[in-house]
Amino acid sequence: MLTMVKGAAAALMFFLELGVLIALARWGFTREANIVVRILLGLGTPAAFATLWGLFMAGGKAPYQLHGFARGAFEVVWFGAGAAALAASGLVTAGVVFAVVYVADAALRLLTNQV
């Protein structure tokens, strides 16, 4: 049973990570700016965030792996940015749901010693 819970929490974490990138892309593409700026924001913001994730968080293989408080702070900023991007692009309810799902997943990962 615990193995299933850990697997579900890890899978949810992966989908939340992808959700942040999608939310950032949506935010960039929905800005009130000319098309070039929207394309740069829509593609550049998720690319910058993905680079940060790869440098600091990527599944134990990151060159500058964060631990403890630094990891927790990075996660809160990362997933908070995803929720904020949804809200800023007009999907306020989706942003709130995203934040709540992240908090529930983080609590579950803490309870199952996956952090």
C-alpha atoms as a PDB file:
ATOM      1  CA  MET A   1       0.000   0.000   0.000  1.00  0.00           C
ATOM      2  CA  LEU A   2       2.765   2.448   0.922  1.00  0.00           C
ATOM      3  CA  THR A   3       4.511   1.685  -2.374  1.00  0.00           C
ATOM      4  CA  MET A   4       1.361   2.655  -4.274  1.00  0.00           C
ATOM      5  CA  VAL A   5       1.026   5.903  -2.329  1.00  0.00           C
ATOM      6  CA  LYS A   6       4.669   6.782  -2.981  1.00  0.00           C
ATOM      7  CA  GLY A   7       4.256   6.011  -6.676  1.00  0.00           C
ATOM      8  CA  ALA A   8       1.108   8.103  -6.909  1.00  0.00           C
ATOM      9  CA  ALA A   9       2.808  11.041  -5.159  1.00  0.00           C
ATOM     10  CA  ALA A  10       5.811  10.819  -7.493  1.00  0.00           C
ATOM     11  CA  ALA A  11       3.565  10.644 -10.565  1.00  0.00           C
ATOM     12  CA  LEU A  12       1.535  13.611  -9.373  1.00  0.00           C
ATOM     13  CA  MET A  13       4.742  15.562  -8.762  1.00  0.00           C
ATOM     14  CA  PHE A  14       5.838  14.878 -12.353  1.00  0.00           C
ATOM     15  CA  PHE A  15       2.519  16.102 -13.750  1.00  0.00           C
ATOM     16  CA  LEU A  16       2.668  19.190 -11.524  1.00  0.00           C
ATOM     17  CA  GLU A  17       6.156  19.931 -12.886  1.00  0.00           C
ATOM     18  CA  LEU A  18       4.797  19.755 -16.430  1.00  0.00           C
ATOM     19  CA  GLY A  19       1.834  21.866 -15.348  1.00  0.00           C
ATOM     20  CA  VAL A  20       4.157  24.676 -14.282  1.00  0.00           C
ATOM     21  CA  LEU A  21       5.777  24.749 -17.714  1.00  0.00           C
ATOM     22  CA  ILE A  22       2.398  24.724 -19.455  1.00  0.00           C
ATOM     23  CA  ALA A  23       1.069  27.475 -17.170  1.00  0.00           C
ATOM     24  CA  LEU A  24       4.119  29.636 -17.854  1.00  0.00           C
ATOM     25  CA  ALA A  25       3.718  29.132 -21.600  1.00  0.00           C
ATOM     26  CA  ARG A  26       0.040  30.077 -21.409  1.00  0.00           C
ATOM     27  CA  TRP A  27       0.920  33.159 -19.384  1.00  0.00           C
ATOM     28  CA  GLY A  28       3.506  34.232 -21.970  1.00  0.00           C
ATOM     29  CA  PHE A  29       1.295  33.659 -24.976  1.00  0.00           C
ATOM     30  CA  THR A  30      -1.652  35.547 -23.438  1.00  0.00           C
ATOM     31  CA  ARG A  31       0.176  38.788 -22.591  1.00  0.00           C
ATOM     32  CA  GLU A  32      -1.089  41.968 -24.186  1.00  0.00           C
ATOM     33  CA  ALA A  33       1.951  42.656 -26.316  1.00  0.00           C
ATOM     34  CA  ASN A  34       2.973  42.295 -29.925  1.00  0.00           C
ATOM     35  CA  ILE A  35       3.317  38.805 -31.335  1.00  0.00           C
ATOM     36  CA  VAL A  36       7.115  38.704 -31.079  1.00  0.00           C
ATOM     37  CA  VAL A  37       7.054  39.485 -27.352  1.00  0.00           C
ATOM     38  CA  ARG A  38       4.294  36.923 -26.759  1.00  0.00           C
ATOM     39  CA  ILE A  39       6.274  34.249 -28.575  1.00  0.00           C
ATOM     40  CA  LEU A  40       9.446  35.117 -26.652  1.00  0.00           C
ATOM     41  CA  LEU A  41       7.595  35.001 -23.327  1.00  0.00           C
ATOM     42  CA  GLY A  42       5.572  31.910 -24.235  1.00  0.00           C
ATOM     43  CA  LEU A  43       8.656  29.923 -25.185  1.00  0.00           C
ATOM     44  CA  GLY A  44      11.389  31.630 -23.174  1.00  0.00           C
ATOM     45  CA  THR A  45       9.804  31.611 -19.725  1.00  0.00           C
ATOM     46  CA  PRO A  46       9.181  27.839 -19.635  1.00  0.00           C
ATOM     47  CA  ALA A  47      12.652  27.249 -21.106  1.00  0.00           C
ATOM     48  CA  ALA A  48      14.265  29.353 -18.373  1.00  0.00           C
ATOM     49  CA  PHE A  49      12.292  27.557 -15.656  1.00  0.00           C
ATOM     50  CA  ALA A  50      13.101  24.139 -17.133  1.00  0.00           C
ATOM     51  CA  THR A  51      16.786  25.073 -17.085  1.00  0.00           C
ATOM     52  CA  LEU A  52      16.548  26.032 -13.411  1.00  0.00           C
ATOM     53  CA  TRP A  53      14.774  22.755 -12.624  1.00  0.00           C
ATOM     54  CA  GLY A  54      17.483  20.810 -14.431  1.00  0.00           C
ATOM     55  CA  LEU A  55      20.237  22.633 -12.564  1.00  0.00           C
ATOM     56  CA  PHE A  56      18.804  22.372  -9.066  1.00  0.00           C
ATOM     57  CA  MET A  57      16.084  19.732  -8.782  1.00  0.00           C
ATOM     58  CA  ALA A  58      16.164  17.105 -11.530  1.00  0.00           C
ATOM     59  CA  GLY A  59      15.554  13.805  -9.747  1.00  0.00           C
ATOM     60  CA  GLY A  60      18.851  13.418  -7.921  1.00  0.00           C
ATOM     61  CA  LYS A  61      20.850  14.045 -11.097  1.00  0.00           C
ATOM     62  CA  ALA A  62      21.030  17.829 -10.953  1.00  0.00           C
ATOM     63  CA  PRO A  63      24.567  19.261 -10.890  1.00  0.00           C
ATOM     64  CA  TYR A  64      23.663  21.607  -8.002  1.00  0.00           C
ATOM     65  CA  GLN A  65      21.122  19.434  -6.171  1.00  0.00           C
ATOM     66  CA  LEU A  66      19.257  21.318  -3.444  1.00  0.00           C
ATOM     67  CA  HIS A  67      18.415  19.766  -0.071  1.00  0.00           C
ATOM     68  CA  GLY A  68      16.507  20.728   3.047  1.00  0.00           C
ATOM     69  CA  PHE A  69      15.227  24.283   3.372  1.00  0.00           C
ATOM     70  CA  ALA A  70      16.698  25.372   0.022  1.00  0.00           C
ATOM     71  CA  ARG A  71      14.825  22.590  -1.780  1.00  0.00           C
ATOM     72  CA  GLY A  72      11.580  23.463  -0.032  1.00  0.00           C
ATOM     73  CA  ALA A  73      11.968  27.155  -0.842  1.00  0.00           C
ATOM     74  CA  PHE A  74      12.762  26.363  -4.492  1.00  0.00           C
ATOM     75  CA  GLU A  75       9.677  24.128  -4.760  1.00  0.00           C
ATOM     76  CA  VAL A  76       7.395  26.752  -3.218  1.00  0.00           C
ATOM     77  CA  VAL A  77       8.659  29.421  -5.630  1.00  0.00           C
ATOM     78  CA  TRP A  78       8.543  27.036  -8.620  1.00  0.00           C
ATOM     79  CA  PHE A  79       5.009  25.751  -8.050  1.00  0.00           C
ATOM     80  CA  GLY A  80       3.837  29.137  -6.777  1.00  0.00           C
ATOM     81  CA  ALA A  81       4.958  30.613 -10.089  1.00  0.00           C
ATOM     82  CA  GLY A  82       2.858  28.024 -11.891  1.00  0.00           C
ATOM     83  CA  ALA A  83      -0.222  28.875  -9.835  1.00  0.00           C
ATOM     84  CA  ALA A  84       0.412  32.613 -10.258  1.00  0.00           C
ATOM     85  CA  ALA A  85       0.886  32.221 -14.013  1.00  0.00           C
ATOM     86  CA  LEU A  86      -2.482  30.483 -14.299  1.00  0.00           C
ATOM     87  CA  ALA A  87      -4.157  33.228 -12.296  1.00  0.00           C
ATOM     88  CA  ALA A  88      -2.411  35.986 -14.263  1.00  0.00           C
ATOM     89  CA  SER A  89      -3.539  34.453 -17.542  1.00  0.00           C
ATOM     90  CA  GLY A  90      -7.169  34.560 -16.438  1.00  0.00           C
ATOM     91  CA  LEU A  91      -7.530  31.091 -14.928  1.00  0.00           C
ATOM     92  CA  VAL A  92      -7.811  32.087 -11.275  1.00  0.00           C
ATOM     93  CA  THR A  93      -9.719  28.978 -10.171  1.00  0.00           C
ATOM     94  CA  ALA A  94      -7.233  26.726 -11.946  1.00  0.00           C
ATOM     95  CA  GLY A  95      -4.401  28.557 -10.197  1.00  0.00           C
ATOM     96  CA  VAL A  96      -5.972  27.992  -6.794  1.00  0.00           C
ATOM     97  CA  VAL A  97      -6.634  24.319  -7.566  1.00  0.00           C
ATOM     98  CA  PHE A  98      -3.058  23.921  -8.789  1.00  0.00           C
ATOM     99  CA  ALA A  99      -1.705  25.401  -5.545  1.00  0.00           C
ATOM    100  CA  VAL A 100      -3.944  23.194  -3.393  1.00  0.00           C
ATOM    101  CA  VAL A 101      -2.936  20.054  -5.298  1.00  0.00           C
ATOM    102  CA  TYR A 102       0.735  20.966  -4.902  1.00  0.00           C
ATOM    103  CA  VAL A 103       0.360  21.485  -1.137  1.00  0.00           C
ATOM    104  CA  ALA A 104      -1.456  18.142  -0.805  1.00  0.00           C
ATOM    105  CA  ASP A 105       1.238  16.376  -2.838  1.00  0.00           C
ATOM    106  CA  ALA A 106       4.020  18.030  -0.848  1.00  0.00           C
ATOM    107  CA  ALA A 107       2.400  16.915   2.410  1.00  0.00           C
ATOM    108  CA  LEU A 108       2.025  13.389   1.072  1.00  0.00           C
ATOM    109  CA  ARG A 109       5.663  13.303  -0.019  1.00  0.00           C
ATOM    110  CA  LEU A 110       6.740  14.542   3.420  1.00  0.00           C
ATOM    111  CA  LEU A 111       4.625  11.885   5.168  1.00  0.00           C
ATOM    112  CA  THR A 112       6.117   9.125   3.009  1.00  0.00           C
ATOM    113  CA  ASN A 113       9.721  10.407   3.323  1.00  0.00           C
ATOM    114  CA  GLN A 114      10.079  11.210  -0.380  1.00  0.00           C
ATOM    115  CA  VAL A 115      11.648  14.614   0.109  1.00  0.00           C
END
